[in-house]
PDB file of all heavy atoms in Angstrom:
ATOM      1  N   GLN A   1     100.450  95.493  91.969  1.00  0.00           N
ATOM      2  CA  GLN A   1     100.987  95.965  90.755  1.00  0.00           C
ATOM      3  C   GLN A   1     101.910  97.148  90.877  1.00  0.00           C
ATOM      4  O   GLN A   1     102.770  97.416  89.990  1.00  0.00           O
ATOM      5  CB  GLN A   1      99.824  96.318  89.718  1.00  0.00           C
ATOM      6  CG  GLN A   1      99.023  95.141  89.308  1.00  0.00           C
ATOM      7  CD  GLN A   1      99.718  94.132  88.538  1.00  0.00           C
ATOM      8  OE1 GLN A   1     100.790  94.354  87.827  1.00  0.00           O
ATOM      9  NE2 GLN A   1      99.251  92.831  88.498  1.00  0.00           N
ATOM     10  N   ALA A   2     101.761  97.884  91.954  1.00  0.00           N
ATOM     11  CA  ALA A   2     102.533  99.115  92.094  1.00  0.00           C
ATOM     12  C   ALA A   2     103.833  99.046  92.810  1.00  0.00           C
ATOM     13  O   ALA A   2     104.816  99.718  92.488  1.00  0.00           O
ATOM     14  CB  ALA A   2     101.639 100.138  92.867  1.00  0.00           C
ATOM     15  N   TYR A   3     103.913  98.075  93.775  1.00  0.00           N
ATOM     16  CA  TYR A   3     105.205  97.966  94.476  1.00  0.00           C
ATOM     17  C   TYR A   3     106.392  97.544  93.626  1.00  0.00           C
ATOM     18  O   TYR A   3     106.252  96.527  92.862  1.00  0.00           O
ATOM     19  CB  TYR A   3     105.077  96.911  95.585  1.00  0.00           C
ATOM     20  CG  TYR A   3     106.299  96.745  96.499  1.00  0.00           C
ATOM     21  CD1 TYR A   3     106.623  97.723  97.456  1.00  0.00           C
ATOM     22  CD2 TYR A   3     107.154  95.713  96.392  1.00  0.00           C
ATOM     23  CE1 TYR A   3     107.720  97.642  98.247  1.00  0.00           C
ATOM     24  CE2 TYR A   3     108.346  95.512  97.172  1.00  0.00           C
ATOM     25  CZ  TYR A   3     108.584  96.586  98.107  1.00  0.00           C
ATOM     26  OH  TYR A   3     109.780  96.443  98.850  1.00  0.00           O
ATOM     27  N   GLY A   4     107.405  98.321  93.613  1.00  0.00           N
ATOM     28  CA  GLY A   4     108.560  98.049  92.778  1.00  0.00           C
ATOM     29  C   GLY A   4     108.462  98.767  91.377  1.00  0.00           C
ATOM     30  O   GLY A   4     109.410  98.784  90.703  1.00  0.00           O
ATOM     31  N   GLN A   5     107.222  99.350  91.114  1.00  0.00           N
ATOM     32  CA  GLN A   5     107.094 100.095  89.913  1.00  0.00           C
ATOM     33  C   GLN A   5     106.977 101.577  90.133  1.00  0.00           C
ATOM     34  O   GLN A   5     107.373 102.400  89.157  1.00  0.00           O
ATOM     35  CB  GLN A   5     105.712  99.636  89.178  1.00  0.00           C
ATOM     36  CG  GLN A   5     105.889  98.222  88.534  1.00  0.00           C
ATOM     37  CD  GLN A   5     106.733  98.265  87.196  1.00  0.00           C
ATOM     38  OE1 GLN A   5     107.977  98.253  87.292  1.00  0.00           O
ATOM     39  NE2 GLN A   5     106.045  98.397  86.141  1.00  0.00           N
ATOM     40  N   VAL A   6     106.410 102.025  91.241  1.00  0.00           N
ATOM     41  CA  VAL A   6     106.333 103.393  91.601  1.00  0.00           C
ATOM     42  C   VAL A   6     106.766 103.580  93.011  1.00  0.00           C
ATOM     43  O   VAL A   6     106.651 102.675  93.811  1.00  0.00           O
ATOM     44  CB  VAL A   6     104.904 103.919  91.359  1.00  0.00           C
ATOM     45  CG1 VAL A   6     104.456 103.950  89.925  1.00  0.00           C
ATOM     46  CG2 VAL A   6     103.908 103.120  92.272  1.00  0.00           C
ATOM     47  N   PRO A   7     107.338 104.824  93.350  1.00  0.00           N
ATOM     48  CA  PRO A   7     107.752 104.953  94.784  1.00  0.00           C
ATOM     49  C   PRO A   7     106.546 105.024  95.681  1.00  0.00           C
ATOM     50  O   PRO A   7     105.444 105.512  95.436  1.00  0.00           O
ATOM     51  CB  PRO A   7     108.452 106.354  94.729  1.00  0.00           C
ATOM     52  CG  PRO A   7     108.743 106.626  93.314  1.00  0.00           C
ATOM     53  CD  PRO A   7     107.656 105.908  92.492  1.00  0.00           C
ATOM     54  N   ILE A   8     106.712 104.378  96.893  1.00  0.00           N
ATOM     55  CA  ILE A   8     105.642 104.315  97.870  1.00  0.00           C
ATOM     56  C   ILE A   8     106.228 104.672  99.260  1.00  0.00           C
ATOM     57  O   ILE A   8     107.207 104.084  99.607  1.00  0.00           O
ATOM     58  CB  ILE A   8     104.936 102.934  97.939  1.00  0.00           C
ATOM     59  CG1 ILE A   8     104.391 102.532  96.591  1.00  0.00           C
ATOM     60  CG2 ILE A   8     103.899 102.857  99.007  1.00  0.00           C
ATOM     61  CD1 ILE A   8     103.884 101.045  96.516  1.00  0.00           C
ATOM     62  N   ASN A   9     105.538 105.626  99.914  1.00  0.00           N
ATOM     63  CA  ASN A   9     105.930 105.878 101.295  1.00  0.00           C
ATOM     64  C   ASN A   9     104.607 105.925 102.115  1.00  0.00           C
ATOM     65  O   ASN A   9     103.728 106.726 101.931  1.00  0.00           O
ATOM     66  CB  ASN A   9     106.577 107.262 101.418  1.00  0.00           C
ATOM     67  CG  ASN A   9     107.032 107.562 102.883  1.00  0.00           C
ATOM     68  OD1 ASN A   9     106.248 107.645 103.759  1.00  0.00           O
ATOM     69  ND2 ASN A   9     108.291 107.564 103.045  1.00  0.00           N
ATOM     70  N   VAL A  10     104.459 104.918 102.994  1.00  0.00           N
ATOM     71  CA  VAL A  10     103.261 104.643 103.680  1.00  0.00           C
ATOM     72  C   VAL A  10     102.886 105.822 104.605  1.00  0.00           C
ATOM     73  O   VAL A  10     101.640 106.073 104.855  1.00  0.00           O
ATOM     74  CB  VAL A  10     103.275 103.265 104.405  1.00  0.00           C
ATOM     75  CG1 VAL A  10     103.213 102.151 103.428  1.00  0.00           C
ATOM     76  CG2 VAL A  10     104.374 103.165 105.363  1.00  0.00           C
ATOM     77  N   ASP A  11     103.835 106.469 105.252  1.00  0.00           N
ATOM     78  CA  ASP A  11     103.510 107.611 106.162  1.00  0.00           C
ATOM     79  C   ASP A  11     103.081 108.790 105.331  1.00  0.00           C
ATOM     80  O   ASP A  11     102.038 109.384 105.653  1.00  0.00           O
ATOM     81  CB  ASP A  11     104.728 107.886 107.008  1.00  0.00           C
ATOM     82  CG  ASP A  11     104.940 106.874 108.101  1.00  0.00           C
ATOM     83  OD1 ASP A  11     103.957 106.126 108.386  1.00  0.00           O
ATOM     84  OD2 ASP A  11     106.039 106.892 108.699  1.00  0.00           O
ATOM     85  N   GLU A  12     103.840 109.142 104.317  1.00  0.00           N
ATOM     86  CA  GLU A  12     103.435 110.291 103.553  1.00  0.00           C
ATOM     87  C   GLU A  12     102.059 110.121 102.874  1.00  0.00           C
ATOM     88  O   GLU A  12     101.318 111.060 102.612  1.00  0.00           O
ATOM     89  CB  GLU A  12     104.473 110.566 102.417  1.00  0.00           C
ATOM     90  CG  GLU A  12     105.791 111.083 102.937  1.00  0.00           C
ATOM     91  CD  GLU A  12     106.804 111.246 101.809  1.00  0.00           C
ATOM     92  OE1 GLU A  12     106.466 111.165 100.682  1.00  0.00           O
ATOM     93  OE2 GLU A  12     107.961 111.495 102.149  1.00  0.00           O
ATOM     94  N   MET A  13     101.667 108.796 102.520  1.00  0.00           N
ATOM     95  CA  MET A  13     100.462 108.557 101.856  1.00  0.00           C
ATOM     96  C   MET A  13      99.337 108.158 102.805  1.00  0.00           C
ATOM     97  O   MET A  13      98.237 107.835 102.337  1.00  0.00           O
ATOM     98  CB  MET A  13     100.711 107.489 100.769  1.00  0.00           C
ATOM     99  CG  MET A  13     101.634 107.940  99.688  1.00  0.00           C
ATOM    100  SD  MET A  13     101.954 106.528  98.528  1.00  0.00           S
ATOM    101  CE  MET A  13     102.819 107.474  97.232  1.00  0.00           C
ATOM    102  N   ASN A  14      99.608 108.114 104.092  1.00  0.00           N
ATOM    103  CA  ASN A  14      98.557 107.764 105.126  1.00  0.00           C
ATOM    104  C   ASN A  14      97.957 106.390 104.846  1.00  0.00           C
ATOM    105  O   ASN A  14      96.794 106.182 104.969  1.00  0.00           O
ATOM    106  CB  ASN A  14      97.511 108.862 105.207  1.00  0.00           C
ATOM    107  CG  ASN A  14      97.982 110.197 105.612  1.00  0.00           C
ATOM    108  OD1 ASN A  14      98.477 110.368 106.684  1.00  0.00           O
ATOM    109  ND2 ASN A  14      97.937 111.164 104.627  1.00  0.00           N
ATOM    110  N   ILE A  15      98.757 105.431 104.472  1.00  0.00           N
ATOM    111  CA  ILE A  15      98.366 104.056 104.265  1.00  0.00           C
ATOM    112  C   ILE A  15      98.490 103.330 105.539  1.00  0.00           C
ATOM    113  O   ILE A  15      99.534 103.269 106.203  1.00  0.00           O
ATOM    114  CB  ILE A  15      99.216 103.443 103.133  1.00  0.00           C
ATOM    115  CG1 ILE A  15      99.052 104.165 101.783  1.00  0.00           C
ATOM    116  CG2 ILE A  15      98.845 101.970 102.960  1.00  0.00           C
ATOM    117  CD1 ILE A  15     100.085 103.747 100.735  1.00  0.00           C
ATOM    118  N   ASP A  16      97.406 102.671 105.994  1.00  0.00           N
ATOM    119  CA  ASP A  16      97.382 101.856 107.138  1.00  0.00           C
ATOM    120  C   ASP A  16      97.715 100.338 106.925  1.00  0.00           C
ATOM    121  O   ASP A  16      98.310  99.712 107.791  1.00  0.00           O
ATOM    122  CB  ASP A  16      96.002 101.937 107.878  1.00  0.00           C
ATOM    123  CG  ASP A  16      95.656 103.356 108.317  1.00  0.00           C
ATOM    124  OD1 ASP A  16      96.481 103.879 109.051  1.00  0.00           O
ATOM    125  OD2 ASP A  16      94.654 103.843 107.908  1.00  0.00           O
ATOM    126  N   MET A  17      97.337  99.841 105.707  1.00  0.00           N
ATOM    127  CA  MET A  17      97.700  98.467 105.388  1.00  0.00           C
ATOM    128  C   MET A  17      97.970  98.493 103.822  1.00  0.00           C
ATOM    129  O   MET A  17      97.305  99.160 103.136  1.00  0.00           O
ATOM    130  CB  MET A  17      96.600  97.549 105.719  1.00  0.00           C
ATOM    131  CG  MET A  17      96.377  97.342 107.164  1.00  0.00           C
ATOM    132  SD  MET A  17      94.796  96.473 107.556  1.00  0.00           S
ATOM    133  CE  MET A  17      93.642  97.797 107.356  1.00  0.00           C
ATOM    134  N   LEU A  18      98.983  97.629 103.475  1.00  0.00           N
ATOM    135  CA  LEU A  18      99.305  97.486 102.060  1.00  0.00           C
ATOM    136  C   LEU A  18      99.749  96.087 101.737  1.00  0.00           C
ATOM    137  O   LEU A  18     100.528  95.491 102.461  1.00  0.00           O
ATOM    138  CB  LEU A  18     100.529  98.526 101.806  1.00  0.00           C
ATOM    139  CG  LEU A  18     101.071  98.624 100.339  1.00  0.00           C
ATOM    140  CD1 LEU A  18     101.468  99.954  99.996  1.00  0.00           C
ATOM    141  CD2 LEU A  18     102.285  97.636 100.191  1.00  0.00           C
ATOM    142  N   SER A  19      99.230  95.565 100.573  1.00  0.00           N
ATOM    143  CA  SER A  19      99.476  94.209 100.168  1.00  0.00           C
ATOM    144  C   SER A  19     100.408  94.254  98.995  1.00  0.00           C
ATOM    145  O   SER A  19     100.317  95.096  98.121  1.00  0.00           O
ATOM    146  CB  SER A  19      98.161  93.525  99.643  1.00  0.00           C
ATOM    147  OG  SER A  19      97.150  93.660 100.680  1.00  0.00           O
ATOM    148  N   SER A  20     101.263  93.196  98.952  1.00  0.00           N
ATOM    149  CA  SER A  20     102.152  93.035  97.839  1.00  0.00           C
ATOM    150  C   SER A  20     102.483  91.529  97.565  1.00  0.00           C
ATOM    151  O   SER A  20     102.186  90.701  98.364  1.00  0.00           O
ATOM    152  CB  SER A  20     103.498  93.836  98.104  1.00  0.00           C
ATOM    153  OG  SER A  20     104.399  93.661  97.055  1.00  0.00           O
ATOM    154  N   SER A  21     103.124  91.284  96.396  1.00  0.00           N
ATOM    155  CA  SER A  21     103.376  89.889  95.977  1.00  0.00           C
ATOM    156  C   SER A  21     104.698  89.824  95.247  1.00  0.00           C
ATOM    157  O   SER A  21     104.915  90.602  94.395  1.00  0.00           O
ATOM    158  CB  SER A  21     102.203  89.355  95.119  1.00  0.00           C
ATOM    159  OG  SER A  21     102.413  88.008  94.815  1.00  0.00           O
ATOM    160  N   ALA A  22     105.521  88.848  95.658  1.00  0.00           N
ATOM    161  CA  ALA A  22     106.905  88.824  95.159  1.00  0.00           C
ATOM    162  C   ALA A  22     106.960  88.502  93.627  1.00  0.00           C
ATOM    163  O   ALA A  22     107.845  88.985  92.913  1.00  0.00           O
ATOM    164  CB  ALA A  22     107.721  87.820  95.875  1.00  0.00           C
ATOM    165  N   HIS A  23     106.035  87.658  93.119  1.00  0.00           N
ATOM    166  CA  HIS A  23     106.250  87.184  91.760  1.00  0.00           C
ATOM    167  C   HIS A  23     105.873  88.260  90.698  1.00  0.00           C
ATOM    168  O   HIS A  23     106.094  88.033  89.533  1.00  0.00           O
ATOM    169  CB  HIS A  23     105.447  85.918  91.496  1.00  0.00           C
ATOM    170  CG  HIS A  23     103.903  86.080  91.409  1.00  0.00           C
ATOM    171  ND1 HIS A  23     103.333  86.059  90.106  1.00  0.00           N
ATOM    172  CD2 HIS A  23     103.010  86.324  92.269  1.00  0.00           C
ATOM    173  CE1 HIS A  23     101.985  86.281  90.269  1.00  0.00           C
ATOM    174  NE2 HIS A  23     101.816  86.399  91.599  1.00  0.00           N
ATOM    175  N   LYS A  24     105.462  89.377  91.180  1.00  0.00           N
ATOM    176  CA  LYS A  24     105.242  90.562  90.219  1.00  0.00           C
ATOM    177  C   LYS A  24     106.509  91.356  89.956  1.00  0.00           C
ATOM    178  O   LYS A  24     106.591  92.225  89.047  1.00  0.00           O
ATOM    179  CB  LYS A  24     104.157  91.504  90.697  1.00  0.00           C
ATOM    180  CG  LYS A  24     102.785  90.772  91.071  1.00  0.00           C
ATOM    181  CD  LYS A  24     102.138  90.241  89.838  1.00  0.00           C
ATOM    182  CE  LYS A  24     100.720  89.738  90.279  1.00  0.00           C
ATOM    183  NZ  LYS A  24      99.939  89.051  89.133  1.00  0.00           N
ATOM    184  N   ILE A  25     107.552  91.124  90.881  1.00  0.00           N
ATOM    185  CA  ILE A  25     108.765  91.904  90.693  1.00  0.00           C
ATOM    186  C   ILE A  25     109.932  91.006  90.529  1.00  0.00           C
ATOM    187  O   ILE A  25     110.968  91.254  91.128  1.00  0.00           O
ATOM    188  CB  ILE A  25     108.924  92.888  91.844  1.00  0.00           C
ATOM    189  CG1 ILE A  25     108.947  92.164  93.236  1.00  0.00           C
ATOM    190  CG2 ILE A  25     107.805  93.987  91.871  1.00  0.00           C
ATOM    191  CD1 ILE A  25     109.511  93.079  94.395  1.00  0.00           C
ATOM    192  N   ASN A  26     109.846  89.976  89.749  1.00  0.00           N
ATOM    193  CA  ASN A  26     110.959  89.002  89.558  1.00  0.00           C
ATOM    194  C   ASN A  26     111.357  88.191  90.692  1.00  0.00           C
ATOM    195  O   ASN A  26     112.516  87.838  90.837  1.00  0.00           O
ATOM    196  CB  ASN A  26     112.097  89.700  88.897  1.00  0.00           C
ATOM    197  CG  ASN A  26     111.761  90.487  87.558  1.00  0.00           C
ATOM    198  OD1 ASN A  26     111.669  91.611  87.599  1.00  0.00           O
ATOM    199  ND2 ASN A  26     111.492  89.660  86.557  1.00  0.00           N
ATOM    200  N   GLY A  27     110.434  88.020  91.606  1.00  0.00           N
ATOM    201  CA  GLY A  27     110.645  87.176  92.823  1.00  0.00           C
ATOM    202  C   GLY A  27     109.893  85.874  92.640  1.00  0.00           C
ATOM    203  O   GLY A  27     109.215  85.586  91.642  1.00  0.00           O
ATOM    204  N   PRO A  28     109.966  85.032  93.737  1.00  0.00           N
ATOM    205  CA  PRO A  28     109.249  83.699  93.650  1.00  0.00           C
ATOM    206  C   PRO A  28     107.766  83.834  93.881  1.00  0.00           C
ATOM    207  O   PRO A  28     107.254  84.754  94.443  1.00  0.00           O
ATOM    208  CB  PRO A  28     109.918  82.949  94.820  1.00  0.00           C
ATOM    209  CG  PRO A  28     110.294  84.012  95.794  1.00  0.00           C
ATOM    210  CD  PRO A  28     110.637  85.218  94.996  1.00  0.00           C
ATOM    211  N   LYS A  29     107.001  82.873  93.415  1.00  0.00           N
ATOM    212  CA  LYS A  29     105.587  82.754  93.661  1.00  0.00           C
ATOM    213  C   LYS A  29     105.386  82.168  95.076  1.00  0.00           C
ATOM    214  O   LYS A  29     106.280  81.555  95.626  1.00  0.00           O
ATOM    215  CB  LYS A  29     104.859  81.786  92.655  1.00  0.00           C
ATOM    216  CG  LYS A  29     104.983  82.371  91.284  1.00  0.00           C
ATOM    217  CD  LYS A  29     104.442  81.446  90.204  1.00  0.00           C
ATOM    218  CE  LYS A  29     104.481  81.943  88.793  1.00  0.00           C
ATOM    219  NZ  LYS A  29     105.894  82.123  88.338  1.00  0.00           N
ATOM    220  N   GLY A  30     104.226  82.418  95.675  1.00  0.00           N
ATOM    221  CA  GLY A  30     103.900  81.885  96.968  1.00  0.00           C
ATOM    222  C   GLY A  30     104.307  82.623  98.080  1.00  0.00           C
ATOM    223  O   GLY A  30     104.317  82.112  99.238  1.00  0.00           O
ATOM    224  N   ILE A  31     104.762  83.910  97.953  1.00  0.00           N
ATOM    225  CA  ILE A  31     105.139  84.761  99.051  1.00  0.00           C
ATOM    226  C   ILE A  31     104.757  86.203  98.718  1.00  0.00           C
ATOM    227  O   ILE A  31     104.883  86.693  97.641  1.00  0.00           O
ATOM    228  CB  ILE A  31     106.611  84.629  99.346  1.00  0.00           C
ATOM    229  CG1 ILE A  31     107.011  85.353 100.687  1.00  0.00           C
ATOM    230  CG2 ILE A  31     107.495  85.112  98.145  1.00  0.00           C
ATOM    231  CD1 ILE A  31     106.525  84.688 101.860  1.00  0.00           C
ATOM    232  N   GLY A  32     104.214  86.840  99.791  1.00  0.00           N
ATOM    233  CA  GLY A  32     103.882  88.241  99.670  1.00  0.00           C
ATOM    234  C   GLY A  32     104.228  88.943 100.994  1.00  0.00           C
ATOM    235  O   GLY A  32     104.792  88.354 101.930  1.00  0.00           O
ATOM    236  N   PHE A  33     103.819  90.254 101.133  1.00  0.00           N
ATOM    237  CA  PHE A  33     103.903  90.824 102.399  1.00  0.00           C
ATOM    238  C   PHE A  33     102.631  91.648 102.652  1.00  0.00           C
ATOM    239  O   PHE A  33     101.991  92.134 101.661  1.00  0.00           O
ATOM    240  CB  PHE A  33     105.186  91.692 102.632  1.00  0.00           C
ATOM    241  CG  PHE A  33     105.169  93.004 101.852  1.00  0.00           C
ATOM    242  CD1 PHE A  33     104.482  94.041 102.295  1.00  0.00           C
ATOM    243  CD2 PHE A  33     106.088  93.142 100.768  1.00  0.00           C
ATOM    244  CE1 PHE A  33     104.549  95.281 101.707  1.00  0.00           C
ATOM    245  CE2 PHE A  33     106.152  94.379 100.142  1.00  0.00           C
ATOM    246  CZ  PHE A  33     105.432  95.454 100.554  1.00  0.00           C
ATOM    247  N   LEU A  34     102.359  91.860 103.888  1.00  0.00           N
ATOM    248  CA  LEU A  34     101.264  92.778 104.316  1.00  0.00           C
ATOM    249  C   LEU A  34     101.852  93.767 105.256  1.00  0.00           C
ATOM    250  O   LEU A  34     102.426  93.371 106.344  1.00  0.00           O
ATOM    251  CB  LEU A  34     100.090  92.028 104.944  1.00  0.00           C
ATOM    252  CG  LEU A  34      98.943  92.957 105.450  1.00  0.00           C
ATOM    253  CD1 LEU A  34      98.281  93.712 104.352  1.00  0.00           C
ATOM    254  CD2 LEU A  34      97.882  92.136 106.212  1.00  0.00           C
ATOM    255  N   TYR A  35     101.831  95.039 104.944  1.00  0.00           N
ATOM    256  CA  TYR A  35     102.188  96.112 105.893  1.00  0.00           C
ATOM    257  C   TYR A  35     100.972  96.351 106.766  1.00  0.00           C
ATOM    258  O   TYR A  35      99.897  96.663 106.203  1.00  0.00           O
ATOM    259  CB  TYR A  35     102.669  97.344 105.112  1.00  0.00           C
ATOM    260  CG  TYR A  35     102.560  98.552 105.917  1.00  0.00           C
ATOM    261  CD1 TYR A  35     103.466  98.929 106.961  1.00  0.00           C
ATOM    262  CD2 TYR A  35     101.540  99.500 105.660  1.00  0.00           C
ATOM    263  CE1 TYR A  35     103.330 100.075 107.680  1.00  0.00           C
ATOM    264  CE2 TYR A  35     101.363 100.675 106.377  1.00  0.00           C
ATOM    265  CZ  TYR A  35     102.301 100.910 107.428  1.00  0.00           C
ATOM    266  OH  TYR A  35     102.193 102.052 108.223  1.00  0.00           O
ATOM    267  N   ILE A  36     101.168  96.426 108.093  1.00  0.00           N
ATOM    268  CA  ILE A  36     100.104  96.749 108.968  1.00  0.00           C
ATOM    269  C   ILE A  36     100.605  97.822 109.880  1.00  0.00           C
ATOM    270  O   ILE A  36     101.583  97.642 110.656  1.00  0.00           O
ATOM    271  CB  ILE A  36      99.653  95.630 109.866  1.00  0.00           C
ATOM    272  CG1 ILE A  36      99.179  94.420 108.967  1.00  0.00           C
ATOM    273  CG2 ILE A  36      98.387  95.979 110.707  1.00  0.00           C
ATOM    274  CD1 ILE A  36      98.937  93.106 109.692  1.00  0.00           C
ATOM    275  N   ARG A  37     100.138  99.057 109.839  1.00  0.00           N
ATOM    276  CA  ARG A  37     100.565 100.181 110.649  1.00  0.00           C
ATOM    277  C   ARG A  37     100.423  99.810 112.102  1.00  0.00           C
ATOM    278  O   ARG A  37      99.547  99.199 112.476  1.00  0.00           O
ATOM    279  CB  ARG A  37      99.824 101.458 110.266  1.00  0.00           C
ATOM    280  CG  ARG A  37     100.257 102.654 111.146  1.00  0.00           C
ATOM    281  CD  ARG A  37      99.449 103.887 110.786  1.00  0.00           C
ATOM    282  NE  ARG A  37      99.611 104.330 109.390  1.00  0.00           N
ATOM    283  CZ  ARG A  37     100.605 105.018 108.956  1.00  0.00           C
ATOM    284  NH1 ARG A  37     101.598 105.351 109.792  1.00  0.00           N
ATOM    285  NH2 ARG A  37     100.706 105.341 107.729  1.00  0.00           N
ATOM    286  N   LYS A  38     101.485 100.173 112.917  1.00  0.00           N
ATOM    287  CA  LYS A  38     101.471 100.050 114.313  1.00  0.00           C
ATOM    288  C   LYS A  38     100.155 100.617 114.898  1.00  0.00           C
ATOM    289  O   LYS A  38      99.847 101.798 114.621  1.00  0.00           O
ATOM    290  CB  LYS A  38     102.731 100.608 115.000  1.00  0.00           C
ATOM    291  CG  LYS A  38     102.833 100.301 116.442  1.00  0.00           C
ATOM    292  CD  LYS A  38     104.109 100.945 117.040  1.00  0.00           C
ATOM    293  CE  LYS A  38     104.186 100.624 118.558  1.00  0.00           C
ATOM    294  NZ  LYS A  38     105.300 101.284 119.143  1.00  0.00           N
TER     295      LYS A  38
END
């Protein structure tokens, strides 16, 4: 719900993994992304 609605910086926020979905931001259904820190 947050991606595309509020600014996110994974390093500043110490996030190791983050989930998102395209159809919540005027994109297509059936695709998302997972950020996985190196």
